[in-house]
Structure formats: C-alpha cells, structure tokens
Amino acid sequence: MALCYKKLWKLLIDRDMTRADLRGATGIAPATIAKMSRGESVGASVLERICASMQCDIGDIVSYVPNESESGREGRS
C-alpha cells in the first residue's frame, strides 16, 4: 500500500505552516513526520490528530496510490 501525503504538505503551505508547526500543534513525533515524508503509513490516531488540528477531513491530507504490483492484481481473487 502506498499513501501519499502531498495534500497535507500543500495544505501546510497554503496555511503558511511548517512541518515543525504541525508537530507542535499535534504533538506527533519527528520520526512520524519523517515516515510520512517517505510515504509510509502511520496510525489512524496520528491522522485523527492532524485532521482535528487542521480542521479538515482525512481526504484533505492523504490519498491512496496503488503500487504497480497491486494495480496488476485488479480483477483477481
């Protein structure tokens, strides 16, 4: 599974916030921000805190982008 946080990074820019500002507002660890920067999944509680802090929906901060290996499995059971 590949998660894309480009929407979050754009939202931060639009709101004139840095990643450090996001950490301060949510209390999430720098390592979690690093995971998100690499497109790795994080816990739902982290996404919840970000949404609460940014007053947005989860679809405003993250999107799912299937890996090539996953997209080849469409239609298979």
C-alpha atoms as a PDB file:
ATOM      1  CA  MET A   1       0.000   0.000   0.000  1.00  0.00           C
ATOM      2  CA  ALA A   2       1.280   3.438  -0.856  1.00  0.00           C
ATOM      3  CA  LEU A   3      -0.005   6.502   0.892  1.00  0.00           C
ATOM      4  CA  CYS A   4       0.602   9.959  -0.488  1.00  0.00           C
ATOM      5  CA  TYR A   5       0.682  12.941   1.864  1.00  0.00           C
ATOM      6  CA  LYS A   6       1.173  15.592  -0.847  1.00  0.00           C
ATOM      7  CA  LYS A   7      -2.209  17.055   0.044  1.00  0.00           C
ATOM      8  CA  LEU A   8      -1.027  17.588   3.622  1.00  0.00           C
ATOM      9  CA  TRP A   9       2.210  19.262   2.552  1.00  0.00           C
ATOM     10  CA  LYS A  10       0.247  21.546   0.195  1.00  0.00           C
ATOM     11  CA  LEU A  11      -2.242  22.359   2.948  1.00  0.00           C
ATOM     12  CA  LEU A  12       0.628  23.350   5.238  1.00  0.00           C
ATOM     13  CA  ILE A  13       1.975  25.680   2.550  1.00  0.00           C
ATOM     14  CA  ASP A  14      -1.470  27.156   1.944  1.00  0.00           C
ATOM     15  CA  ARG A  15      -1.802  27.848   5.679  1.00  0.00           C
ATOM     16  CA  ASP A  16       1.746  29.209   5.936  1.00  0.00           C
ATOM     17  CA  MET A  17       2.772  26.430   8.331  1.00  0.00           C
ATOM     18  CA  THR A  18       5.935  24.384   8.597  1.00  0.00           C
ATOM     19  CA  ARG A  19       6.248  20.736   9.499  1.00  0.00           C
ATOM     20  CA  ALA A  20       7.559  21.905  12.869  1.00  0.00           C
ATOM     21  CA  ASP A  21       4.353  23.919  13.318  1.00  0.00           C
ATOM     22  CA  LEU A  22       2.374  20.762  12.560  1.00  0.00           C
ATOM     23  CA  ARG A  23       4.370  18.795  15.132  1.00  0.00           C
ATOM     24  CA  GLY A  24       3.757  21.488  17.727  1.00  0.00           C
ATOM     25  CA  ALA A  25       0.032  21.645  17.014  1.00  0.00           C
ATOM     26  CA  THR A  26      -0.479  17.873  17.074  1.00  0.00           C
ATOM     27  CA  GLY A  27       2.220  16.515  19.362  1.00  0.00           C
ATOM     28  CA  ILE A  28       3.344  13.963  16.797  1.00  0.00           C
ATOM     29  CA  ALA A  29       6.963  12.865  16.821  1.00  0.00           C
ATOM     30  CA  PRO A  30       9.566  14.000  14.278  1.00  0.00           C
ATOM     31  CA  ALA A  31      10.015  10.332  13.303  1.00  0.00           C
ATOM     32  CA  THR A  32       6.336  10.189  12.355  1.00  0.00           C
ATOM     33  CA  ILE A  33       6.725  13.226  10.108  1.00  0.00           C
ATOM     34  CA  ALA A  34       9.729  11.500   8.537  1.00  0.00           C
ATOM     35  CA  LYS A  35       7.662   8.354   7.881  1.00  0.00           C
ATOM     36  CA  MET A  36       5.004  10.452   6.224  1.00  0.00           C
ATOM     37  CA  SER A  37       7.659  12.191   4.120  1.00  0.00           C
ATOM     38  CA  ARG A  38       8.652   8.753   2.811  1.00  0.00           C
ATOM     39  CA  GLY A  39       5.031   7.848   2.040  1.00  0.00           C
ATOM     40  CA  GLU A  40       4.856   5.236   4.783  1.00  0.00           C
ATOM     41  CA  SER A  41       1.673   4.536   6.677  1.00  0.00           C
ATOM     42  CA  VAL A  42       1.090   5.975  10.133  1.00  0.00           C
ATOM     43  CA  GLY A  43      -1.518   5.187  12.736  1.00  0.00           C
ATOM     44  CA  ALA A  44      -5.093   6.357  12.425  1.00  0.00           C
ATOM     45  CA  SER A  45      -4.698   8.287  15.673  1.00  0.00           C
ATOM     46  CA  VAL A  46      -1.977  10.407  14.043  1.00  0.00           C
ATOM     47  CA  LEU A  47      -4.212  11.190  11.080  1.00  0.00           C
ATOM     48  CA  GLU A  48      -7.046  11.957  13.509  1.00  0.00           C
ATOM     49  CA  ARG A  49      -4.908  14.454  15.417  1.00  0.00           C
ATOM     50  CA  ILE A  50      -3.808  16.125  12.193  1.00  0.00           C
ATOM     51  CA  CYS A  51      -7.407  16.417  10.972  1.00  0.00           C
ATOM     52  CA  ALA A  52      -8.547  17.809  14.321  1.00  0.00           C
ATOM     53  CA  SER A  53      -5.719  20.334  14.399  1.00  0.00           C
ATOM     54  CA  MET A  54      -6.117  21.393  10.763  1.00  0.00           C
ATOM     55  CA  GLN A  55      -9.931  21.194  10.902  1.00  0.00           C
ATOM     56  CA  CYS A  56     -10.120  19.094   7.775  1.00  0.00           C
ATOM     57  CA  ASP A  57     -11.161  15.644   6.554  1.00  0.00           C
ATOM     58  CA  ILE A  58      -8.750  12.765   6.084  1.00  0.00           C
ATOM     59  CA  GLY A  59      -9.173  13.030   2.300  1.00  0.00           C
ATOM     60  CA  ASP A  60      -7.784  16.556   2.547  1.00  0.00           C
ATOM     61  CA  ILE A  61      -4.432  15.269   3.830  1.00  0.00           C
ATOM     62  CA  VAL A  62      -3.843  11.785   2.430  1.00  0.00           C
ATOM     63  CA  SER A  63      -4.618   9.786  -0.687  1.00  0.00           C
ATOM     64  CA  TYR A  64      -4.083   6.168  -1.648  1.00  0.00           C
ATOM     65  CA  VAL A  65      -1.893   5.463  -4.651  1.00  0.00           C
ATOM     66  CA  PRO A  66      -1.661   1.760  -5.538  1.00  0.00           C
ATOM     67  CA  ASN A  67       1.762   0.284  -6.114  1.00  0.00           C
ATOM     68  CA  GLU A  68       2.431  -1.103  -9.584  1.00  0.00           C
ATOM     69  CA  SER A  69       2.408  -4.645  -8.183  1.00  0.00           C
ATOM     70  CA  GLU A  70      -1.011  -4.012  -6.604  1.00  0.00           C
ATOM     71  CA  SER A  71      -2.526  -2.466  -9.727  1.00  0.00           C
ATOM     72  CA  GLY A  72      -1.646  -5.637 -11.661  1.00  0.00           C
ATOM     73  CA  ARG A  73      -3.789  -7.686  -9.295  1.00  0.00           C
ATOM     74  CA  GLU A  74      -7.059  -5.986 -10.248  1.00  0.00           C
ATOM     75  CA  GLY A  75      -9.783  -8.444 -11.075  1.00  0.00           C
ATOM     76  CA  ARG A  76      -8.029 -11.330  -9.325  1.00  0.00           C
ATOM     77  CA  SER A  77      -9.466 -13.142  -6.331  1.00  0.00           C
END
